[in-house]
């Protein structure tokens, strides 16, 4: 049975991604181009989103893999993943991402000339950031593809052996109580505490060990949780307020720690535990509220569920082009933020509706059947 709440969450999390990337234009953190005024306080709501938005997306992707494997052989699944992830990645790197690099180069006075002076002759020279070839925001696709193929033998075994030891452990121990499900944060803590300090996040795939291992584990958790379906969904729905309370308390403590204490080894190990507890609490709470209120089909959901992948591929390019024309204006945060967010949604929708959705030849380049 299809879970419509997962479809809604996928749509809503990607919508949050657009607002998050709009926020990156205004905060002190590094991004491709920046506004002429930086709002330091905005980093705190951004930090809240940043804690759980990608982990829950990989969990949802793992859950989706469970459904995809239910009706496909390993070979069929592999071909489907390559077609729906690798083809949009290659197309995106060749066509969608280069305008972002071009805007960054002219904004930072690293290049002068028209776009067609830049593309294609210079767009593929060297690897970003020193060169121009990049997958930018599309880094999610090669990571997801690698997880799908690496874990496929294990997933096939779990699919064909429903009563394997790990699934029995999940049913009998991990999902025994509302607290016992937090056992799953122990591997996350070890990764956060002992891998993250040595391998900072780069999204370059090669050498990006913390991100690779961390999100692989969330992806694996998503697949496993769908193997114990009813036990998990009943638990998070029943205890959703409890998990929400845990998330609010954990993020408050995490924020207090970040603001109050200077960086040190002791702070890192304490912060790592608070961080993974916070992430897992919000994931459980979000799933719980979605199970209670969003597990319903509808025409709007059907439309959005198909549109979300093309929106993801298009949105950052559209956003950076808009941001370039806003960056040096004297307008305030509300005006610029509204134009940047709403403009990105509107232009992405126009491109999707009239340039992608109706054209069979174009659809596969944006991951659509």
Protein backbone atom coordinates (compact mmCIF):
# COMPACT_ATOMS: atom_id res chain seq x y z
CA UNK A 1 0.00 0.00 0.00
CA UNK A 2 1.34 3.43 -0.95
CA UNK A 3 1.92 5.84 1.91
CA UNK A 4 0.67 9.23 0.78
CA UNK A 5 2.24 10.91 3.81
CA UNK A 6 5.68 10.03 2.42
CA UNK A 7 4.73 11.69 -0.87
CA UNK A 8 3.60 14.80 0.98
CA UNK A 9 6.77 14.88 3.07
CA UNK A 10 8.93 14.55 -0.03
CA UNK A 11 7.14 17.53 -1.57
CA UNK A 12 7.28 19.62 1.62
CA UNK A 13 10.93 18.88 2.38
CA UNK A 14 11.95 19.92 -1.14
CA UNK A 15 9.85 23.07 -0.73
CA UNK A 16 11.82 23.77 2.47
CA UNK A 17 14.98 23.32 0.41
CA UNK A 18 14.00 26.24 -1.81
CA UNK A 19 13.46 28.49 1.23
CA UNK A 20 16.70 27.24 2.73
CA UNK A 21 18.70 28.06 -0.37
CA UNK A 22 17.03 31.48 -0.50
CA UNK A 23 18.24 31.97 3.08
CA UNK A 24 21.79 31.07 2.05
CA UNK A 25 21.84 34.30 0.04
CA UNK A 26 21.52 36.32 3.27
CA UNK A 27 23.51 34.47 5.96
CA UNK A 28 27.28 34.57 6.72
CA UNK A 29 27.82 30.99 5.52
CA UNK A 30 29.58 30.47 2.22
CA UNK A 31 27.39 30.31 -0.90
CA UNK A 32 27.78 31.02 -4.59
CA UNK A 33 26.77 34.70 -4.44
CA UNK A 34 25.80 36.84 -1.45
CA UNK A 35 23.49 39.76 -0.75
CA UNK A 36 25.04 43.16 -0.09
CA UNK A 37 23.68 43.01 3.48
CA UNK A 38 24.24 39.90 5.63
CA UNK A 39 21.76 39.09 8.43
CA UNK A 40 23.64 37.29 11.18
CA UNK A 41 20.52 36.36 13.19
CA UNK A 42 19.08 34.44 10.24
CA UNK A 43 21.64 31.68 10.78
CA UNK A 44 19.65 30.32 13.74
CA UNK A 45 16.41 29.42 11.93
CA UNK A 46 18.62 28.22 9.09
CA UNK A 47 20.52 26.04 11.56
CA UNK A 48 17.22 24.55 12.73
CA UNK A 49 16.30 23.51 9.17
CA UNK A 50 19.82 22.37 8.43
CA UNK A 51 19.73 19.85 11.27
CA UNK A 52 17.09 17.52 9.83
CA UNK A 53 16.18 18.50 6.25
CA UNK A 54 18.76 16.28 4.49
CA UNK A 55 18.67 13.36 6.96
CA UNK A 56 14.89 13.00 6.62
CA UNK A 57 15.18 13.25 2.84
CA UNK A 58 17.57 10.29 2.77
CA UNK A 59 15.30 8.35 5.15
CA UNK A 60 12.37 9.00 2.81
CA UNK A 61 14.53 7.90 -0.14
CA UNK A 62 15.33 4.65 1.67
CA UNK A 63 11.63 4.11 2.28
CA UNK A 64 10.91 4.75 -1.39
CA UNK A 65 13.54 2.16 -2.29
CA UNK A 66 11.56 -0.41 -0.31
CA UNK A 67 8.51 0.20 -2.51
CA UNK A 68 10.58 0.28 -5.71
CA UNK A 69 12.18 -3.10 -4.93
CA UNK A 70 8.86 -4.70 -4.06
CA UNK A 71 7.95 -5.02 -7.75
CA UNK A 72 11.35 -5.14 -9.48
CA UNK A 73 14.27 -7.51 -9.84
CA UNK A 74 17.74 -6.30 -8.89
CA UNK A 75 18.61 -5.69 -12.55
CA UNK A 76 15.37 -3.80 -13.22
CA UNK A 77 15.87 -1.68 -10.11
CA UNK A 78 19.48 -0.87 -11.05
CA UNK A 79 18.50 0.18 -14.57
CA UNK A 80 15.63 2.29 -13.25
CA UNK A 81 17.91 4.04 -10.72
CA UNK A 82 20.57 4.77 -13.33
CA UNK A 83 17.99 6.12 -15.76
CA UNK A 84 16.25 8.33 -13.19
CA UNK A 85 19.35 9.55 -11.35
CA UNK A 86 22.36 9.43 -13.66
CA UNK A 87 20.68 10.85 -16.78
CA UNK A 88 19.34 13.96 -14.96
CA UNK A 89 22.73 14.38 -13.27
CA UNK A 90 24.64 14.40 -16.57
CA UNK A 91 22.05 16.67 -18.19
CA UNK A 92 22.09 18.95 -15.16
CA UNK A 93 25.88 19.26 -15.15
CA UNK A 94 25.88 20.06 -18.86
CA UNK A 95 22.89 22.42 -19.06
CA UNK A 96 21.36 23.40 -15.70
CA UNK A 97 24.38 24.06 -13.45
CA UNK A 98 26.66 26.08 -15.83
CA UNK A 99 24.52 29.26 -15.55
CA UNK A 100 25.11 29.18 -11.77
CA UNK A 101 28.87 29.03 -12.24
CA UNK A 102 28.72 31.77 -14.87
CA UNK A 103 26.75 34.09 -12.55
CA UNK A 104 29.22 33.43 -9.73
CA UNK A 105 32.18 34.19 -11.97
CA UNK A 106 30.80 37.51 -13.23
CA UNK A 107 29.54 38.49 -9.74
CA UNK A 108 33.07 37.98 -8.34
CA UNK A 109 34.73 39.64 -11.35
CA UNK A 110 36.37 36.37 -12.35
CA UNK A 111 34.98 36.50 -15.89
CA UNK A 112 33.69 39.08 -18.34
CA UNK A 113 31.67 38.33 -21.42
CA UNK A 114 28.33 36.87 -22.42
CA UNK A 115 27.02 33.49 -21.30
CA UNK A 116 27.81 31.99 -24.68
CA UNK A 117 31.38 33.19 -24.36
CA UNK A 118 31.44 31.02 -21.22
CA UNK A 119 29.35 28.02 -22.35
CA UNK A 120 30.33 25.58 -23.66
CA UNK A 121 33.95 26.57 -24.32
CA UNK A 122 34.85 27.34 -20.68
CA UNK A 123 32.01 25.67 -18.74
CA UNK A 124 33.75 22.30 -18.51
CA UNK A 125 37.32 23.46 -17.90
CA UNK A 126 38.60 22.06 -14.61
CA UNK A 127 36.68 21.00 -11.52
CA UNK A 128 34.89 23.56 -9.35
CA UNK A 129 35.78 25.64 -7.35
CA UNK A 130 39.11 26.14 -9.15
CA UNK A 131 37.50 25.17 -12.47
CA UNK A 132 33.94 25.41 -13.76
CA UNK A 133 32.65 21.82 -13.97
CA UNK A 134 30.34 21.05 -11.04
CA UNK A 135 27.16 19.33 -9.97
CA UNK A 136 26.43 22.03 -7.34
CA UNK A 137 23.02 21.34 -5.72
CA UNK A 138 22.63 18.11 -7.72
CA UNK A 139 25.17 16.36 -5.45
CA UNK A 140 22.20 14.51 -3.89
CA UNK A 141 21.82 12.44 -7.09
CA UNK A 142 25.25 10.69 -7.24
CA UNK A 143 25.13 10.02 -3.50
CA UNK A 144 21.66 8.49 -3.74
CA UNK A 145 22.63 6.44 -6.78
CA UNK A 146 25.72 5.05 -5.06
CA UNK A 147 23.72 4.14 -1.94
CA UNK A 148 21.08 2.40 -4.02
CA UNK A 149 23.62 0.23 -5.84
CA UNK A 150 25.97 -0.44 -2.90
CA UNK A 151 23.18 -1.55 -0.57
CA UNK A 152 21.21 -3.42 -3.23
CA UNK A 153 22.53 -6.94 -2.32
CA UNK A 154 21.68 -6.35 1.34
CA UNK A 155 18.25 -4.96 0.46
CA UNK A 156 17.52 -7.94 -1.78
CA UNK A 157 18.47 -10.30 1.03
CA UNK A 158 16.20 -8.46 3.47
CA UNK A 159 13.37 -8.46 0.94
CA UNK A 160 13.66 -12.22 0.42
CA UNK A 161 14.21 -13.06 4.12
CA UNK A 162 11.53 -11.17 5.98
CA UNK A 163 12.38 -12.75 9.34
CA UNK A 164 16.14 -12.10 9.31
CA UNK A 165 17.92 -11.40 12.59
CA UNK A 166 18.19 -7.64 12.10
CA UNK A 167 14.49 -7.17 11.37
CA UNK A 168 13.63 -9.31 14.39
CA UNK A 169 15.96 -7.13 16.48
CA UNK A 170 14.14 -4.05 15.19
CA UNK A 171 10.75 -5.51 16.06
CA UNK A 172 11.64 -6.98 19.45
CA UNK A 173 14.12 -4.42 20.80
CA UNK A 174 14.32 -1.15 18.85
CA UNK A 175 10.56 -0.62 18.53
CA UNK A 176 9.76 -1.91 21.98
CA UNK A 177 9.04 1.53 23.46
CA UNK A 178 9.08 5.21 22.56
CA UNK A 179 12.57 5.48 24.07
CA UNK A 180 14.13 2.33 22.64
CA UNK A 181 14.02 3.65 19.06
CA UNK A 182 16.74 6.10 20.09
CA UNK A 183 19.14 3.13 20.04
CA UNK A 184 19.50 3.97 16.35
CA UNK A 185 21.33 7.21 17.15
CA UNK A 186 24.36 5.37 18.56
CA UNK A 187 25.96 4.68 15.13
CA UNK A 188 25.06 8.25 14.13
CA UNK A 189 26.84 9.55 17.23
CA UNK A 190 30.00 7.57 16.46
CA UNK A 191 30.06 8.99 12.93
CA UNK A 192 29.41 12.53 14.15
CA UNK A 193 31.98 12.32 16.95
CA UNK A 194 34.85 10.47 15.27
CA UNK A 195 34.50 10.97 11.48
CA UNK A 196 33.11 14.49 11.04
CA UNK A 197 36.14 16.32 12.60
CA UNK A 198 38.52 14.75 10.10
CA UNK A 199 36.36 14.88 6.95
CA UNK A 200 34.41 18.15 6.69
CA UNK A 201 31.44 18.27 4.35
CA UNK A 202 32.38 18.97 0.71
CA UNK A 203 29.77 17.20 -1.48
CA UNK A 204 32.68 16.31 -3.78
CA UNK A 205 32.05 12.56 -3.30
CA UNK A 206 35.77 11.71 -3.39
CA UNK A 207 37.04 12.00 0.18
CA UNK A 208 33.68 13.23 1.52
CA UNK A 209 33.65 10.39 4.03
CA UNK A 210 31.51 11.92 6.78
CA UNK A 211 28.68 12.85 4.42
CA UNK A 212 28.91 9.56 2.53
CA UNK A 213 28.74 7.37 5.64
CA UNK A 214 26.29 9.53 7.57
CA UNK A 215 23.63 9.77 4.85
CA UNK A 216 24.13 6.15 3.83
CA UNK A 217 23.06 5.21 7.36
CA UNK A 218 19.94 7.38 7.18
CA UNK A 219 19.12 5.84 3.79
CA UNK A 220 19.56 2.35 5.28
CA UNK A 221 17.34 3.25 8.25
CA UNK A 222 14.58 4.32 5.86
CA UNK A 223 14.59 0.96 4.10
CA UNK A 224 14.69 -0.97 7.39
CA UNK A 225 11.85 1.01 8.94
CA UNK A 226 9.62 0.15 6.00
CA UNK A 227 10.31 -3.54 6.68
CA UNK A 228 8.67 -3.11 10.10
CA UNK A 229 6.03 -0.82 8.68
CA UNK A 230 3.04 -0.91 11.02
CA UNK A 231 5.08 -1.08 14.22
CA UNK A 232 7.03 2.02 13.23
CA UNK A 233 4.12 4.10 11.94
CA UNK A 234 1.90 3.27 14.91
CA UNK A 235 4.69 4.22 17.33
CA UNK A 236 5.56 7.58 15.79
CA UNK A 237 1.91 8.53 15.35
CA UNK A 238 1.05 7.59 18.92
CA UNK A 239 4.07 9.37 20.44
CA UNK A 240 4.39 12.28 18.01
CA UNK A 241 3.94 14.95 20.73
CA UNK A 242 6.60 13.24 22.85
CA UNK A 243 9.09 13.27 19.96
CA UNK A 244 8.22 16.89 19.18
CA UNK A 245 8.95 17.80 22.80
CA UNK A 246 12.27 15.95 22.61
CA UNK A 247 13.14 17.86 19.45
CA UNK A 248 12.28 21.26 20.93
CA UNK A 249 14.33 20.60 24.08
CA UNK A 250 17.26 19.11 22.16
CA UNK A 251 17.47 21.99 19.68
CA UNK A 252 17.25 24.52 22.52
CA UNK A 253 20.17 22.82 24.30
CA UNK A 254 22.09 22.50 21.03
CA UNK A 255 21.64 26.20 20.26
CA UNK A 256 22.66 27.17 23.80
CA UNK A 257 25.79 25.03 23.47
CA UNK A 258 26.74 26.54 20.10
CA UNK A 259 26.23 30.13 21.31
CA UNK A 260 27.70 29.81 24.81
CA UNK A 261 30.76 27.56 24.66
CA UNK A 262 33.91 27.94 22.62
CA UNK A 263 34.84 25.10 20.31
CA UNK A 264 36.80 22.34 22.07
CA UNK A 265 37.13 18.57 22.14
CA UNK A 266 34.77 18.30 25.14
CA UNK A 267 32.18 20.53 23.48
CA UNK A 268 32.44 18.51 20.24
CA UNK A 269 31.64 15.16 21.87
CA UNK A 270 28.76 16.62 23.91
CA UNK A 271 27.45 18.57 20.95
CA UNK A 272 27.58 15.47 18.74
CA UNK A 273 25.25 13.55 21.07
CA UNK A 274 22.82 16.47 21.38
CA UNK A 275 22.90 16.95 17.61
CA UNK A 276 22.04 13.36 16.65
CA UNK A 277 19.37 13.17 19.37
CA UNK A 278 17.88 16.39 18.01
CA UNK A 279 17.95 15.17 14.39
CA UNK A 280 16.34 11.83 15.20
CA UNK A 281 13.68 13.45 17.43
CA UNK A 282 12.59 15.79 14.64
CA UNK A 283 12.54 12.98 12.09
CA UNK A 284 10.32 10.87 14.35
CA UNK A 285 8.06 13.83 15.16
CA UNK A 286 7.66 14.81 11.50
CA UNK A 287 6.83 11.23 10.50
CA UNK A 288 4.36 11.02 13.39
CA UNK A 289 2.45 14.16 12.47
CA UNK A 290 2.54 13.23 8.78
CA UNK A 291 1.09 9.79 9.57
CA UNK A 292 -1.69 11.42 11.56
CA UNK A 293 -2.66 14.16 9.12
CA UNK A 294 -1.12 13.70 5.65
CA UNK A 295 -1.73 10.08 4.68
CA UNK A 296 -4.41 11.04 2.15
CA UNK A 297 -4.38 10.96 -1.67
CA UNK A 298 -5.44 13.85 -3.86
CA UNK A 299 -5.04 15.53 -7.23
CA UNK A 300 -2.84 18.27 -5.76
CA UNK A 301 -0.53 15.65 -4.29
CA UNK A 302 -0.35 13.76 -7.58
CA UNK A 303 0.65 16.94 -9.43
CA UNK A 304 3.18 18.06 -6.81
CA UNK A 305 4.68 14.60 -6.46
CA UNK A 306 5.59 14.55 -10.14
CA UNK A 307 6.69 18.18 -10.22
CA UNK A 308 9.04 17.99 -7.23
CA UNK A 309 11.97 16.36 -9.05
CA UNK A 310 12.08 18.90 -11.92
CA UNK A 311 11.66 21.69 -9.35
CA UNK A 312 14.66 20.36 -7.45
CA UNK A 313 16.78 20.26 -10.60
CA UNK A 314 15.74 23.75 -11.76
CA UNK A 315 15.34 25.79 -8.60
CA UNK A 316 18.88 26.82 -7.69
CA UNK A 317 19.75 27.99 -11.19
CA UNK A 318 16.59 30.08 -11.33
CA UNK A 319 17.29 31.40 -7.83
CA UNK A 320 20.89 32.45 -8.50
CA UNK A 321 19.88 34.30 -11.66
CA UNK A 322 17.21 36.22 -9.70
CA UNK A 323 19.63 36.80 -6.81
CA UNK A 324 22.21 38.33 -9.13
CA UNK A 325 19.80 41.13 -10.05
CA UNK A 326 18.82 41.65 -6.39
CA UNK A 327 22.20 41.46 -4.67
CA UNK A 328 23.22 45.12 -4.88
CA UNK A 329 19.79 46.72 -4.48
CA UNK A 330 19.08 48.69 -1.30
CA UNK A 331 15.90 46.74 -0.51
CA UNK A 332 15.39 44.96 2.78
CA UNK A 333 15.31 41.28 3.68
CA UNK A 334 11.53 40.90 3.38
CA UNK A 335 11.34 42.37 -0.12
CA UNK A 336 14.36 40.53 -1.49
CA UNK A 337 13.52 37.25 0.28
CA UNK A 338 9.95 37.31 -1.00
CA UNK A 339 10.95 38.02 -4.59
CA UNK A 340 13.70 35.40 -4.45
CA UNK A 341 11.47 32.65 -3.03
CA UNK A 342 8.24 33.37 -4.90
CA UNK A 343 10.10 34.14 -8.13
CA UNK A 344 11.94 30.83 -7.93
CA UNK A 345 8.69 28.91 -7.41
CA UNK A 346 6.86 30.75 -10.18
CA UNK A 347 9.56 30.56 -12.85
CA UNK A 348 10.35 26.92 -12.01
CA UNK A 349 6.64 26.13 -12.34
CA UNK A 350 6.38 27.87 -15.72
CA UNK A 351 9.39 25.94 -17.03
CA UNK A 352 8.00 22.68 -15.63
CA UNK A 353 4.44 23.14 -16.82
CA UNK A 354 5.13 24.37 -20.33
CA UNK A 355 8.65 23.14 -21.06
CA UNK A 356 8.90 19.75 -19.33
CA UNK A 357 5.66 18.09 -18.23
CA UNK A 358 4.00 18.01 -21.64
CA UNK A 359 7.02 16.86 -23.66
CA UNK A 360 7.90 13.17 -23.74
CA UNK A 361 11.36 13.81 -25.17
CA UNK A 362 12.26 16.24 -22.36
CA UNK A 363 10.78 14.41 -19.36
CA UNK A 364 13.55 11.76 -18.87
CA UNK A 365 16.19 14.50 -18.51
CA UNK A 366 14.33 15.65 -15.41
CA UNK A 367 13.84 12.18 -13.95
CA UNK A 368 10.25 11.69 -15.14
CA UNK A 369 8.83 8.60 -16.77
